[in-house]
Amino acid sequence: MTKEELFSQDLEEGNTPSGDSLYKIILLSARKRINAQLVNRALLAVVVVMGVYYFTGVNDLAVKGFTMQELSRELNSLTEENKDLTNTSLALKSFDNVNDRIKNLGMVAVGSNVDYVSAGASLVAKR
């Protein structure tokens, strides 16, 4: 019963609110206060949990963002290094560079008279 119902019941009966009905009214208001306090505490707990969850998510996104930036910088660095190594490889394979190294090593050009050694067809290992 609510406070109003208790008051109206006492007034209908022609009574002024008695000690019992005042006690019931105080008890009901105390119960409502307790229920309101429980609801407030539950809402506070939910807000705290959601806040922790939100800050954890924001922190995770920030860490991933910094990791992405670092990996992007590393990718750019490796791409530049790959370009430099490719250019160095192409320069070392160039015809002019190979000819200069051949002359420095004292190699002689092969003439048109190349003799090949051939083995006879009858030389086969048998058991």
Protein backbone atom coordinates (compact mmCIF):
# COMPACT_ATOMS: atom_id res chain seq x y z
CA MET A 1 0.00 0.00 0.00
CA THR A 2 1.12 3.50 -0.71
CA LYS A 3 1.09 6.43 1.71
CA GLU A 4 -1.89 7.94 -0.02
CA GLU A 5 -3.87 4.71 0.25
CA LEU A 6 -3.14 4.46 3.99
CA PHE A 7 -4.17 8.10 4.54
CA SER A 8 -7.32 7.67 2.49
CA GLN A 9 -8.20 4.43 4.34
CA ASP A 10 -7.85 6.15 7.72
CA LEU A 11 -9.84 9.16 6.56
CA GLU A 12 -12.62 6.95 5.12
CA GLU A 13 -12.88 5.16 8.42
CA GLY A 14 -13.13 8.54 10.12
CA ASN A 15 -9.88 8.13 11.94
CA THR A 16 -6.96 10.40 12.14
CA PRO A 17 -3.79 8.66 11.10
CA SER A 18 -2.82 6.47 14.02
CA GLY A 19 0.56 5.28 15.16
CA ASP A 20 0.22 2.01 13.24
CA SER A 21 -0.61 3.67 9.98
CA LEU A 22 2.16 6.26 10.51
CA TYR A 23 4.56 3.41 11.19
CA LYS A 24 3.40 1.69 8.00
CA ILE A 25 3.86 4.95 6.08
CA ILE A 26 7.39 5.39 7.42
CA LEU A 27 8.16 1.74 6.68
CA LEU A 28 6.89 2.10 3.12
CA SER A 29 8.91 5.27 2.53
CA ALA A 30 12.00 3.55 3.99
CA ARG A 31 11.47 0.60 1.64
CA LYS A 32 11.12 2.96 -1.31
CA ARG A 33 14.30 4.74 -0.22
CA ILE A 34 16.11 1.40 0.04
CA ASN A 35 14.84 0.38 -3.39
CA ALA A 36 15.90 3.74 -4.82
CA GLN A 37 19.33 3.36 -3.23
CA LEU A 38 19.70 -0.11 -4.71
CA VAL A 39 18.70 1.17 -8.12
CA ASN A 40 21.14 4.09 -7.80
CA ARG A 41 23.96 1.78 -6.75
CA ALA A 42 23.20 -0.63 -9.58
CA LEU A 43 23.19 2.25 -12.08
CA LEU A 44 26.47 3.52 -10.67
CA ALA A 45 27.99 0.05 -11.00
CA VAL A 46 26.79 -0.18 -14.61
CA VAL A 47 28.23 3.28 -15.39
CA VAL A 48 31.58 2.33 -13.82
CA VAL A 49 31.75 -0.97 -15.73
CA MET A 50 30.83 0.73 -19.02
CA GLY A 51 33.42 3.46 -18.34
CA VAL A 52 36.15 0.90 -17.75
CA TYR A 53 35.10 -0.95 -20.90
CA TYR A 54 35.12 2.31 -22.91
CA PHE A 55 38.56 3.37 -21.69
CA THR A 56 39.93 -0.12 -22.35
CA GLY A 57 38.60 0.03 -25.91
CA VAL A 58 40.01 3.52 -26.49
CA ASN A 59 43.38 2.45 -25.13
CA ASP A 60 43.40 -0.62 -27.37
CA LEU A 61 42.61 1.52 -30.43
CA ALA A 62 45.37 3.97 -29.54
CA VAL A 63 47.92 1.18 -29.19
CA LYS A 64 46.85 -0.29 -32.53
CA GLY A 65 47.13 3.15 -34.14
CA PHE A 66 50.70 3.60 -32.89
CA THR A 67 51.57 0.08 -34.05
CA MET A 68 50.13 0.84 -37.49
CA GLN A 69 52.20 4.03 -37.74
CA GLU A 70 55.35 2.18 -36.74
CA LEU A 71 54.71 -0.61 -39.24
CA SER A 72 53.98 1.95 -41.96
CA ARG A 73 57.31 3.69 -41.31
CA GLU A 74 59.09 0.33 -41.36
CA LEU A 75 57.38 -0.57 -44.65
CA ASN A 76 58.50 2.70 -46.23
CA SER A 77 62.06 2.14 -45.00
CA LEU A 78 62.15 -1.42 -46.36
CA THR A 79 60.70 -0.28 -49.68
CA GLU A 80 63.47 2.31 -50.05
CA GLU A 81 66.09 -0.27 -49.09
CA ASN A 82 64.66 -2.70 -51.64
CA LYS A 83 64.84 -0.03 -54.36
CA ASP A 84 68.48 0.72 -53.46
CA LEU A 85 69.41 -2.98 -53.50
CA THR A 86 67.63 -3.50 -56.83
CA ASN A 87 69.52 -0.56 -58.35
CA THR A 88 72.83 -1.89 -56.96
CA SER A 89 72.08 -5.36 -58.36
CA LEU A 90 71.24 -3.95 -61.78
CA ALA A 91 74.41 -1.85 -61.77
CA LEU A 92 76.55 -4.86 -60.89
CA LYS A 93 74.94 -6.95 -63.63
CA SER A 94 75.43 -4.32 -66.29
CA PHE A 95 77.56 -5.18 -69.33
CA ASP A 96 80.09 -2.38 -68.75
CA ASN A 97 80.67 -3.42 -65.14
CA VAL A 98 81.14 -7.07 -66.09
CA ASN A 99 83.63 -6.14 -68.85
CA ASP A 100 85.64 -3.96 -66.45
CA ARG A 101 85.84 -6.80 -63.92
CA ILE A 102 86.91 -9.26 -66.64
CA LYS A 103 89.78 -6.96 -67.67
CA ASN A 104 90.84 -6.41 -64.02
CA LEU A 105 90.96 -10.16 -63.40
CA GLY A 106 93.16 -10.72 -66.45
CA MET A 107 90.78 -13.05 -68.26
CA VAL A 108 91.21 -13.64 -71.96
CA ALA A 109 88.43 -13.61 -74.51
CA VAL A 110 87.55 -16.96 -76.04
CA GLY A 111 88.50 -17.30 -79.68
CA SER A 112 86.52 -18.96 -82.42
CA ASN A 113 88.62 -22.14 -82.27
CA VAL A 114 87.03 -24.09 -79.50
CA ASP A 115 87.90 -27.77 -79.32
CA TYR A 116 85.52 -30.13 -77.59
CA VAL A 117 86.52 -33.50 -76.23
CA SER A 118 84.17 -36.31 -77.09
CA ALA A 119 84.07 -39.72 -75.54
CA GLY A 120 83.49 -42.78 -77.67
CA ALA A 121 80.04 -44.29 -77.64
CA SER A 122 81.41 -47.70 -76.66
CA LEU A 123 82.64 -46.60 -73.27
CA VAL A 124 79.79 -47.54 -71.00
CA ALA A 125 80.06 -49.00 -67.54
CA LYS A 126 78.66 -52.50 -67.37
CA ARG A 127 78.15 -54.92 -64.60
